[in-house]
Amino acid sequence: SGGALRAYGVGWFRQAPGKDREFVAADSWSAYSIGSWSASYT
């Protein structure tokens, strides 16, 4: 809320007990490919 999420890169992170927060997955509108979403996963 408060903004259109399509304009943002969004990431999912997780933190297990006693461990550092770690990257899980993320995506955003690709700046290099018209009409394409770019995603990454650990």
ModelCIF file with pLDDT and N, C-alpha, C, O atoms, coordinates in Angstrom:
data_MODEL
#
_entry.id   MODEL 
#
_entity.id                         1 
_entity.type                       polymer 
_entity.pdbx_number_of_molecules   1 
#
_entity_poly.entity_id                      1 
_entity_poly.type                           'polypeptide(L)' 
_entity_poly.nstd_linkage                   no 
_entity_poly.nstd_monomer                   no 
_entity_poly.pdbx_seq_one_letter_code       SGGALRAYGVGWFRQAPGKDREFVAADSWSAYSIGSWSASYT 
_entity_poly.pdbx_seq_one_letter_code_can   SGGALRAYGVGWFRQAPGKDREFVAADSWSAYSIGSWSASYT 
_entity_poly.pdbx_strand_id                 A 
#
loop_
_entity_poly_seq.entity_id 
_entity_poly_seq.num 
_entity_poly_seq.mon_id 
_entity_poly_seq.hetero 
1 1  SER n 
1 2  GLY n 
1 3  GLY n 
1 4  ALA n 
1 5  LEU n 
1 6  ARG n 
1 7  ALA n 
1 8  TYR n 
1 9  GLY n 
1 10 VAL n 
1 11 GLY n 
1 12 TRP n 
1 13 PHE n 
1 14 ARG n 
1 15 GLN n 
1 16 ALA n 
1 17 PRO n 
1 18 GLY n 
1 19 LYS n 
1 20 ASP n 
1 21 ARG n 
1 22 GLU n 
1 23 PHE n 
1 24 VAL n 
1 25 ALA n 
1 26 ALA n 
1 27 ASP n 
1 28 SER n 
1 29 TRP n 
1 30 SER n 
1 31 ALA n 
1 32 TYR n 
1 33 SER n 
1 34 ILE n 
1 35 GLY n 
1 36 SER n 
1 37 TRP n 
1 38 SER n 
1 39 ALA n 
1 40 SER n 
1 41 TYR n 
1 42 THR n 
#
_struct_asym.id          A 
_struct_asym.entity_id   1 
#
loop_
_ma_qa_metric.id 
_ma_qa_metric.mode 
_ma_qa_metric.name 
_ma_qa_metric.software_group_id 
_ma_qa_metric.type 
1 global pLDDT . pLDDT 
2 local  pLDDT . pLDDT 
#
_ma_qa_metric_global.metric_id      1 
_ma_qa_metric_global.metric_value   85.67 
_ma_qa_metric_global.model_id       1 
_ma_qa_metric_global.ordinal_id     1 
#
loop_
_ma_qa_metric_local.label_asym_id 
_ma_qa_metric_local.label_comp_id 
_ma_qa_metric_local.label_seq_id 
_ma_qa_metric_local.metric_id 
_ma_qa_metric_local.metric_value 
_ma_qa_metric_local.model_id 
_ma_qa_metric_local.ordinal_id 
A SER 1  2 95.00 1 1  
A GLY 2  2 93.00 1 2  
A GLY 3  2 89.00 1 3  
A ALA 4  2 87.00 1 4  
A LEU 5  2 86.00 1 5  
A ARG 6  2 83.00 1 6  
A ALA 7  2 86.00 1 7  
A TYR 8  2 91.00 1 8  
A GLY 9  2 92.00 1 9  
A VAL 10 2 94.00 1 10 
A GLY 11 2 96.00 1 11 
A TRP 12 2 98.00 1 12 
A PHE 13 2 98.00 1 13 
A ARG 14 2 98.00 1 14 
A GLN 15 2 98.00 1 15 
A ALA 16 2 97.00 1 16 
A PRO 17 2 92.00 1 17 
A GLY 18 2 94.00 1 18 
A LYS 19 2 96.00 1 19 
A ASP 20 2 97.00 1 20 
A ARG 21 2 97.00 1 21 
A GLU 22 2 97.00 1 22 
A PHE 23 2 98.00 1 23 
A VAL 24 2 98.00 1 24 
A ALA 25 2 97.00 1 25 
A ALA 26 2 94.00 1 26 
A ASP 27 2 87.00 1 27 
A SER 28 2 83.00 1 28 
A TRP 29 2 75.00 1 29 
A SER 30 2 64.00 1 30 
A ALA 31 2 51.00 1 31 
A TYR 32 2 47.00 1 32 
A SER 33 2 45.00 1 33 
A ILE 34 2 54.00 1 34 
A GLY 35 2 60.00 1 35 
A SER 36 2 68.00 1 36 
A TRP 37 2 73.00 1 37 
A SER 38 2 81.00 1 38 
A ALA 39 2 88.00 1 39 
A SER 40 2 90.00 1 40 
A TYR 41 2 95.00 1 41 
A THR 42 2 96.00 1 42 
#
loop_
_atom_site.group_PDB 
_atom_site.id 
_atom_site.type_symbol 
_atom_site.label_atom_id 
_atom_site.label_alt_id 
_atom_site.label_comp_id 
_atom_site.label_asym_id 
_atom_site.label_entity_id 
_atom_site.label_seq_id 
_atom_site.pdbx_PDB_ins_code 
_atom_site.Cartn_x 
_atom_site.Cartn_y 
_atom_site.Cartn_z 
_atom_site.occupancy 
_atom_site.B_iso_or_equiv 
_atom_site.pdbx_formal_charge 
_atom_site.auth_seq_id 
_atom_site.auth_comp_id 
_atom_site.auth_asym_id 
_atom_site.auth_atom_id 
_atom_site.pdbx_PDB_model_num 
ATOM 1   N N  . SER A 1 1  ? 0.859  -1.180  0.000   1.00 95.00 ? 1  SER A N  1 
ATOM 2   C CA . SER A 1 1  ? 0.000  0.000   0.000   1.00 95.00 ? 1  SER A CA 1 
ATOM 3   C C  . SER A 1 1  ? 0.893  1.227   0.000   1.00 95.00 ? 1  SER A C  1 
ATOM 4   O O  . SER A 1 1  ? 2.032  1.183   0.465   1.00 95.00 ? 1  SER A O  1 
ATOM 5   N N  . GLY A 1 2  ? 0.365  2.321   -0.526  1.00 93.00 ? 2  GLY A N  1 
ATOM 6   C CA . GLY A 1 2  ? 1.142  3.553   -0.562  1.00 93.00 ? 2  GLY A CA 1 
ATOM 7   C C  . GLY A 1 2  ? 2.015  3.702   -1.783  1.00 93.00 ? 2  GLY A C  1 
ATOM 8   O O  . GLY A 1 2  ? 2.757  4.677   -1.905  1.00 93.00 ? 2  GLY A O  1 
ATOM 9   N N  . GLY A 1 3  ? 1.934  2.744   -2.690  1.00 89.00 ? 3  GLY A N  1 
ATOM 10  C CA . GLY A 1 3  ? 2.737  2.837   -3.901  1.00 89.00 ? 3  GLY A CA 1 
ATOM 11  C C  . GLY A 1 3  ? 2.431  1.687   -4.833  1.00 89.00 ? 3  GLY A C  1 
ATOM 12  O O  . GLY A 1 3  ? 1.975  0.630   -4.398  1.00 89.00 ? 3  GLY A O  1 
ATOM 13  N N  . ALA A 1 4  ? 2.679  1.889   -6.112  1.00 87.00 ? 4  ALA A N  1 
ATOM 14  C CA . ALA A 1 4  ? 2.444  0.839   -7.104  1.00 87.00 ? 4  ALA A CA 1 
ATOM 15  C C  . ALA A 1 4  ? 3.644  -0.094  -7.128  1.00 87.00 ? 4  ALA A C  1 
ATOM 16  O O  . ALA A 1 4  ? 4.744  0.308   -7.506  1.00 87.00 ? 4  ALA A O  1 
ATOM 17  N N  . LEU A 1 5  ? 3.431  -1.334  -6.725  1.00 86.00 ? 5  LEU A N  1 
ATOM 18  C CA . LEU A 1 5  ? 4.527  -2.288  -6.566  1.00 86.00 ? 5  LEU A CA 1 
ATOM 19  C C  . LEU A 1 5  ? 5.232  -2.594  -7.872  1.00 86.00 ? 5  LEU A C  1 
ATOM 20  O O  . LEU A 1 5  ? 6.391  -3.008  -7.867  1.00 86.00 ? 5  LEU A O  1 
ATOM 21  N N  . ARG A 1 6  ? 4.551  -2.396  -8.991  1.00 83.00 ? 6  ARG A N  1 
ATOM 22  C CA . ARG A 1 6  ? 5.179  -2.702  -10.275 1.00 83.00 ? 6  ARG A CA 1 
ATOM 23  C C  . ARG A 1 6  ? 6.381  -1.801  -10.537 1.00 83.00 ? 6  ARG A C  1 
ATOM 24  O O  . ARG A 1 6  ? 7.232  -2.137  -11.361 1.00 83.00 ? 6  ARG A O  1 
ATOM 25  N N  . ALA A 1 7  ? 6.462  -0.674  -9.857  1.00 86.00 ? 7  ALA A N  1 
ATOM 26  C CA . ALA A 1 7  ? 7.582  0.248   -10.036 1.00 86.00 ? 7  ALA A CA 1 
ATOM 27  C C  . ALA A 1 7  ? 8.763  -0.105  -9.140  1.00 86.00 ? 7  ALA A C  1 
ATOM 28  O O  . ALA A 1 7  ? 9.793  0.569   -9.165  1.00 86.00 ? 7  ALA A O  1 
ATOM 29  N N  . TYR A 1 8  ? 8.611  -1.161  -8.350  1.00 91.00 ? 8  TYR A N  1 
ATOM 30  C CA . TYR A 1 8  ? 9.622  -1.517  -7.375  1.00 91.00 ? 8  TYR A CA 1 
ATOM 31  C C  . TYR A 1 8  ? 10.202 -2.890  -7.661  1.00 91.00 ? 8  TYR A C  1 
ATOM 32  O O  . TYR A 1 8  ? 9.515  -3.789  -8.148  1.00 91.00 ? 8  TYR A O  1 
ATOM 33  N N  . GLY A 1 9  ? 11.489 -3.031  -7.346  1.00 92.00 ? 9  GLY A N  1 
ATOM 34  C CA . GLY A 1 9  ? 12.068 -4.352  -7.239  1.00 92.00 ? 9  GLY A CA 1 
ATOM 35  C C  . GLY A 1 9  ? 11.649 -4.930  -5.892  1.00 92.00 ? 9  GLY A C  1 
ATOM 36  O O  . GLY A 1 9  ? 11.711 -4.245  -4.870  1.00 92.00 ? 9  GLY A O  1 
ATOM 37  N N  . VAL A 1 10 ? 11.229 -6.170  -5.893  1.00 94.00 ? 10 VAL A N  1 
ATOM 38  C CA . VAL A 1 10 ? 10.761 -6.799  -4.659  1.00 94.00 ? 10 VAL A CA 1 
ATOM 39  C C  . VAL A 1 10 ? 11.598 -8.037  -4.366  1.00 94.00 ? 10 VAL A C  1 
ATOM 40  O O  . VAL A 1 10 ? 11.833 -8.868  -5.243  1.00 94.00 ? 10 VAL A O  1 
ATOM 41  N N  . GLY A 1 11 ? 12.032 -8.140  -3.143  1.00 96.00 ? 11 GLY A N  1 
ATOM 42  C CA . GLY A 1 11 ? 12.816 -9.300  -2.726  1.00 96.00 ? 11 GLY A CA 1 
ATOM 43  C C  . GLY A 1 11 ? 12.167 -10.029 -1.573  1.00 96.00 ? 11 GLY A C  1 
ATOM 44  O O  . GLY A 1 11 ? 11.474 -9.427  -0.752  1.00 96.00 ? 11 GLY A O  1 
ATOM 45  N N  . TRP A 1 12 ? 12.394 -11.326 -1.515  1.00 98.00 ? 12 TRP A N  1 
ATOM 46  C CA . TRP A 1 12 ? 12.020 -12.134 -0.364  1.00 98.00 ? 12 TRP A CA 1 
ATOM 47  C C  . TRP A 1 12 ? 13.312 -12.549 0.334   1.00 98.00 ? 12 TRP A C  1 
ATOM 48  O O  . TRP A 1 12 ? 14.253 -13.022 -0.303  1.00 98.00 ? 12 TRP A O  1 
ATOM 49  N N  . PHE A 1 13 ? 13.342 -12.369 1.629   1.00 98.00 ? 13 PHE A N  1 
ATOM 50  C CA . PHE A 1 13 ? 14.473 -12.753 2.455   1.00 98.00 ? 13 PHE A CA 1 
ATOM 51  C C  . PHE A 1 13 ? 13.954 -13.619 3.595   1.00 98.00 ? 13 PHE A C  1 
ATOM 52  O O  . PHE A 1 13 ? 12.760 -13.615 3.895   1.00 98.00 ? 13 PHE A O  1 
ATOM 53  N N  . ARG A 1 14 ? 14.851 -14.355 4.222   1.00 98.00 ? 14 ARG A N  1 
ATOM 54  C CA . ARG A 1 14 ? 14.440 -15.157 5.367   1.00 98.00 ? 14 ARG A CA 1 
ATOM 55  C C  . ARG A 1 14 ? 15.534 -15.149 6.418   1.00 98.00 ? 14 ARG A C  1 
ATOM 56  O O  . ARG A 1 14 ? 16.715 -14.959 6.128   1.00 98.00 ? 14 ARG A O  1 
ATOM 57  N N  . GLN A 1 15 ? 15.100 -15.360 7.639   1.00 98.00 ? 15 GLN A N  1 
ATOM 58  C CA . GLN A 1 15 ? 16.037 -15.411 8.748   1.00 98.00 ? 15 GLN A CA 1 
ATOM 59  C C  . GLN A 1 15 ? 15.648 -16.538 9.687   1.00 98.00 ? 15 GLN A C  1 
ATOM 60  O O  . GLN A 1 15 ? 14.575 -16.526 10.290  1.00 98.00 ? 15 GLN A O  1 
ATOM 61  N N  . ALA A 1 16 ? 16.538 -17.510 9.799   1.00 97.00 ? 16 ALA A N  1 
ATOM 62  C CA . ALA A 1 16 ? 16.342 -18.622 10.711  1.00 97.00 ? 16 ALA A CA 1 
ATOM 63  C C  . ALA A 1 16 ? 16.940 -18.270 12.073  1.00 97.00 ? 16 ALA A C  1 
ATOM 64  O O  . ALA A 1 16 ? 17.807 -17.400 12.154  1.00 97.00 ? 16 ALA A O  1 
ATOM 65  N N  . PRO A 1 17 ? 16.496 -18.926 13.136  1.00 92.00 ? 17 PRO A N  1 
ATOM 66  C CA . PRO A 1 17 ? 17.032 -18.628 14.469  1.00 92.00 ? 17 PRO A CA 1 
ATOM 67  C C  . PRO A 1 17 ? 18.539 -18.784 14.518  1.00 92.00 ? 17 PRO A C  1 
ATOM 68  O O  . PRO A 1 17 ? 19.083 -19.806 14.100  1.00 92.00 ? 17 PRO A O  1 
ATOM 69  N N  . GLY A 1 18 ? 19.216 -17.754 15.037  1.00 94.00 ? 18 GLY A N  1 
ATOM 70  C CA . GLY A 1 18 ? 20.659 -17.813 15.185  1.00 94.00 ? 18 GLY A CA 1 
ATOM 71  C C  . GLY A 1 18 ? 21.454 -17.595 13.907  1.00 94.00 ? 18 GLY A C  1 
ATOM 72  O O  . GLY A 1 18 ? 22.679 -17.717 13.896  1.00 94.00 ? 18 GLY A O  1 
ATOM 73  N N  . LYS A 1 19 ? 20.744 -17.272 12.830  1.00 96.00 ? 19 LYS A N  1 
ATOM 74  C CA . LYS A 1 19 ? 21.428 -17.085 11.546  1.00 96.00 ? 19 LYS A CA 1 
ATOM 75  C C  . LYS A 1 19 ? 21.171 -15.679 11.002  1.00 96.00 ? 19 LYS A C  1 
ATOM 76  O O  . LYS A 1 19 ? 20.234 -14.994 11.415  1.00 96.00 ? 19 LYS A O  1 
ATOM 77  N N  . ASP A 1 20 ? 22.024 -15.273 10.071  1.00 97.00 ? 20 ASP A N  1 
ATOM 78  C CA . ASP A 1 20 ? 21.838 -13.989 9.420   1.00 97.00 ? 20 ASP A CA 1 
ATOM 79  C C  . ASP A 1 20 ? 20.678 -14.065 8.434   1.00 97.00 ? 20 ASP A C  1 
ATOM 80  O O  . ASP A 1 20 ? 20.324 -15.137 7.944   1.00 97.00 ? 20 ASP A O  1 
ATOM 81  N N  . ARG A 1 21 ? 20.109 -12.924 8.161   1.00 97.00 ? 21 ARG A N  1 
ATOM 82  C CA . ARG A 1 21 ? 19.067 -12.864 7.134   1.00 97.00 ? 21 ARG A CA 1 
ATOM 83  C C  . ARG A 1 21 ? 19.698 -13.159 5.780   1.00 97.00 ? 21 ARG A C  1 
ATOM 84  O O  . ARG A 1 21 ? 20.792 -12.683 5.478   1.00 97.00 ? 21 ARG A O  1 
ATOM 85  N N  . GLU A 1 22 ? 19.003 -13.945 4.968   1.00 97.00 ? 22 GLU A N  1 
ATOM 86  C CA . GLU A 1 22 ? 19.553 -14.329 3.674   1.00 97.00 ? 22 GLU A CA 1 
ATOM 87  C C  . GLU A 1 22 ? 18.554 -14.077 2.549   1.00 97.00 ? 22 GLU A C  1 
ATOM 88  O O  . GLU A 1 22 ? 17.339 -14.094 2.751   1.00 97.00 ? 22 GLU A O  1 
ATOM 89  N N  . PHE A 1 23 ? 19.092 -13.849 1.387   1.00 98.00 ? 23 PHE A N  1 
ATOM 90  C CA . PHE A 1 23 ? 18.291 -13.638 0.187   1.00 98.00 ? 23 PHE A CA 1 
ATOM 91  C C  . PHE A 1 23 ? 17.635 -14.950 -0.237  1.00 98.00 ? 23 PHE A C  1 
ATOM 92  O O  . PHE A 1 23 ? 18.246 -16.015 -0.159  1.00 98.00 ? 23 PHE A O  1 
ATOM 93  N N  . VAL A 1 24 ? 16.398 -14.860 -0.681  1.00 98.00 ? 24 VAL A N  1 
ATOM 94  C CA . VAL A 1 24 ? 15.673 -16.032 -1.173  1.00 98.00 ? 24 VAL A CA 1 
ATOM 95  C C  . VAL A 1 24 ? 15.328 -15.869 -2.658  1.00 98.00 ? 24 VAL A C  1 
ATOM 96  O O  . VAL A 1 24 ? 15.696 -16.710 -3.477  1.00 98.00 ? 24 VAL A O  1 
ATOM 97  N N  . ALA A 1 25 ? 14.630 -14.802 -2.997  1.00 97.00 ? 25 ALA A N  1 
ATOM 98  C CA . ALA A 1 25 ? 14.186 -14.585 -4.367  1.00 97.00 ? 25 ALA A CA 1 
ATOM 99  C C  . ALA A 1 25 ? 13.849 -13.111 -4.544  1.00 97.00 ? 25 ALA A C  1 
ATOM 100 O O  . ALA A 1 25 ? 13.579 -12.397 -3.578  1.00 97.00 ? 25 ALA A O  1 
ATOM 101 N N  . ALA A 1 26 ? 13.871 -12.673 -5.800  1.00 94.00 ? 26 ALA A N  1 
ATOM 102 C CA . ALA A 1 26 ? 13.528 -11.279 -6.075  1.00 94.00 ? 26 ALA A CA 1 
ATOM 103 C C  . ALA A 1 26 ? 13.165 -11.134 -7.534  1.00 94.00 ? 26 ALA A C  1 
ATOM 104 O O  . ALA A 1 26 ? 13.567 -11.947 -8.366  1.00 94.00 ? 26 ALA A O  1 
ATOM 105 N N  . ASP A 1 27 ? 12.406 -10.099 -7.847  1.00 87.00 ? 27 ASP A N  1 
ATOM 106 C CA . ASP A 1 27 ? 12.167 -9.802  -9.240  1.00 87.00 ? 27 ASP A CA 1 
ATOM 107 C C  . ASP A 1 27 ? 11.887 -8.319  -9.425  1.00 87.00 ? 27 ASP A C  1 
ATOM 108 O O  . ASP A 1 27 ? 11.588 -7.597  -8.474  1.00 87.00 ? 27 ASP A O  1 
ATOM 109 N N  . SER A 1 28 ? 11.993 -7.888  -10.667 1.00 83.00 ? 28 SER A N  1 
ATOM 110 C CA . SER A 1 28 ? 11.690 -6.513  -11.030 1.00 83.00 ? 28 SER A CA 1 
ATOM 111 C C  . SER A 1 28 ? 11.517 -6.454  -12.535 1.00 83.00 ? 28 SER A C  1 
ATOM 112 O O  . SER A 1 28 ? 11.874 -7.382  -13.260 1.00 83.00 ? 28 SER A O  1 
ATOM 113 N N  . TRP A 1 29 ? 10.964 -5.345  -12.984 1.00 75.00 ? 29 TRP A N  1 
ATOM 114 C CA . TRP A 1 29 ? 10.812 -5.151  -14.416 1.00 75.00 ? 29 TRP A CA 1 
ATOM 115 C C  . TRP A 1 29 ? 12.194 -4.974  -15.027 1.00 75.00 ? 29 TRP A C  1 
ATOM 116 O O  . TRP A 1 29 ? 12.972 -4.139  -14.566 1.00 75.00 ? 29 TRP A O  1 
ATOM 117 N N  . SER A 1 30 ? 12.495 -5.722  -16.021 1.00 64.00 ? 30 SER A N  1 
ATOM 118 C CA . SER A 1 30 ? 13.834 -5.678  -16.588 1.00 64.00 ? 30 SER A CA 1 
ATOM 119 C C  . SER A 1 30 ? 14.051 -4.369  -17.326 1.00 64.00 ? 30 SER A C  1 
ATOM 120 O O  . SER A 1 30 ? 13.241 -3.951  -18.154 1.00 64.00 ? 30 SER A O  1 
ATOM 121 N N  . ALA A 1 31 ? 15.162 -3.741  -17.002 1.00 51.00 ? 31 ALA A N  1 
ATOM 122 C CA . ALA A 1 31 ? 15.503 -2.499  -17.684 1.00 51.00 ? 31 ALA A CA 1 
ATOM 123 C C  . ALA A 1 31 ? 16.118 -2.774  -19.045 1.00 51.00 ? 31 ALA A C  1 
ATOM 124 O O  . ALA A 1 31 ? 16.338 -1.851  -19.830 1.00 51.00 ? 31 ALA A O  1 
ATOM 125 N N  . TYR A 1 32 ? 16.392 -4.028  -19.324 1.00 47.00 ? 32 TYR A N  1 
ATOM 126 C CA . TYR A 1 32 ? 17.144 -4.351  -20.529 1.00 47.00 ? 32 TYR A CA 1 
ATOM 127 C C  . TYR A 1 32 ? 16.331 -5.131  -21.547 1.00 47.00 ? 32 TYR A C  1 
ATOM 128 O O  . TYR A 1 32 ? 16.775 -5.360  -22.673 1.00 47.00 ? 32 TYR A O  1 
ATOM 129 N N  . SER A 1 33 ? 15.133 -5.535  -21.139 1.00 45.00 ? 33 SER A N  1 
ATOM 130 C CA . SER A 1 33 ? 14.316 -6.330  -22.045 1.00 45.00 ? 33 SER A CA 1 
ATOM 131 C C  . SER A 1 33 ? 12.883 -5.838  -21.977 1.00 45.00 ? 33 SER A C  1 
ATOM 132 O O  . SER A 1 33 ? 12.219 -5.993  -20.952 1.00 45.00 ? 33 SER A O  1 
ATOM 133 N N  . ILE A 1 34 ? 12.409 -5.257  -23.043 1.00 54.00 ? 34 ILE A N  1 
ATOM 134 C CA . ILE A 1 34 ? 11.071 -4.687  -23.045 1.00 54.00 ? 34 ILE A CA 1 
ATOM 135 C C  . ILE A 1 34 ? 10.037 -5.777  -22.799 1.00 54.00 ? 34 ILE A C  1 
ATOM 136 O O  . ILE A 1 34 ? 10.068 -6.836  -23.425 1.00 54.00 ? 34 ILE A O  1 
ATOM 137 N N  . GLY A 1 35 ? 9.145  -5.504  -21.898 1.00 60.00 ? 35 GLY A N  1 
ATOM 138 C CA . GLY A 1 35 ? 8.062  -6.447  -21.627 1.00 60.00 ? 35 GLY A CA 1 
ATOM 139 C C  . GLY A 1 35 ? 8.518  -7.683  -20.889 1.00 60.00 ? 35 GLY A C  1 
ATOM 140 O O  . GLY A 1 35 ? 7.958  -8.761  -21.086 1.00 60.00 ? 35 GLY A O  1 
ATOM 141 N N  . SER A 1 36 ? 9.517  -7.549  -20.049 1.00 68.00 ? 36 SER A N  1 
ATOM 142 C CA . SER A 1 36 ? 10.043 -8.737  -19.391 1.00 68.00 ? 36 SER A CA 1 
ATOM 143 C C  . SER A 1 36 ? 10.288 -8.478  -17.920 1.00 68.00 ? 36 SER A C  1 
ATOM 144 O O  . SER A 1 36 ? 10.791 -7.421  -17.540 1.00 68.00 ? 36 SER A O  1 
ATOM 145 N N  . TRP A 1 37 ? 9.929  -9.452  -17.093 1.00 73.00 ? 37 TRP A N  1 
ATOM 146 C CA . TRP A 1 37 ? 10.271 -9.442  -15.684 1.00 73.00 ? 37 TRP A CA 1 
ATOM 147 C C  . TRP A 1 37 ? 11.516 -10.288 -15.504 1.00 73.00 ? 37 TRP A C  1 
ATOM 148 O O  . TRP A 1 37 ? 11.664 -11.355 -16.100 1.00 73.00 ? 37 TRP A O  1 
ATOM 149 N N  . SER A 1 38 ? 12.393 -9.789  -14.675 1.00 81.00 ? 38 SER A N  1 
ATOM 150 C CA . SER A 1 38 ? 13.637 -10.485 -14.392 1.00 81.00 ? 38 SER A CA 1 
ATOM 151 C C  . SER A 1 38 ? 13.604 -10.972 -12.958 1.00 81.00 ? 38 SER A C  1 
ATOM 152 O O  . SER A 1 38 ? 13.266 -10.211 -12.051 1.00 81.00 ? 38 SER A O  1 
ATOM 153 N N  . ALA A 1 39 ? 13.950 -12.228 -12.742 1.00 88.00 ? 39 ALA A N  1 
ATOM 154 C CA . ALA A 1 39 ? 13.909 -12.799 -11.395 1.00 88.00 ? 39 ALA A CA 1 
ATOM 155 C C  . ALA A 1 39 ? 15.218 -13.489 -11.059 1.00 88.00 ? 39 ALA A C  1 
ATOM 156 O O  . ALA A 1 39 ? 15.987 -13.883 -11.936 1.00 88.00 ? 39 ALA A O  1 
ATOM 157 N N  . SER A 1 40 ? 15.443 -13.620 -9.764  1.00 90.00 ? 40 SER A N  1 
ATOM 158 C CA . SER A 1 40 ? 16.643 -14.314 -9.293  1.00 90.00 ? 40 SER A CA 1 
ATOM 159 C C  . SER A 1 40 ? 16.279 -15.123 -8.062  1.00 90.00 ? 40 SER A C  1 
ATOM 160 O O  . SER A 1 40 ? 15.417 -14.723 -7.280  1.00 90.00 ? 40 SER A O  1 
ATOM 161 N N  . TYR A 1 41 ? 16.936 -16.262 -7.891  1.00 95.00 ? 41 TYR A N  1 
ATOM 162 C CA . TYR A 1 41 ? 16.686 -17.149 -6.763  1.00 95.00 ? 41 TYR A CA 1 
ATOM 163 C C  . TYR A 1 41 ? 18.017 -17.610 -6.173  1.00 95.00 ? 41 TYR A C  1 
ATOM 164 O O  . TYR A 1 41 ? 19.001 -17.805 -6.887  1.00 95.00 ? 41 TYR A O  1 
ATOM 165 N N  . THR A 1 42 ? 18.021 -17.776 -4.868  1.00 96.00 ? 42 THR A N  1 
ATOM 166 C CA . THR A 1 42 ? 19.191 -18.394 -4.279  1.00 96.00 ? 42 THR A CA 1 
ATOM 167 C C  . THR A 1 42 ? 19.228 -19.870 -4.673  1.00 96.00 ? 42 THR A C  1 
ATOM 168 O O  . THR A 1 42 ? 20.145 -20.591 -4.278  1.00 96.00 ? 42 THR A O  1 
#
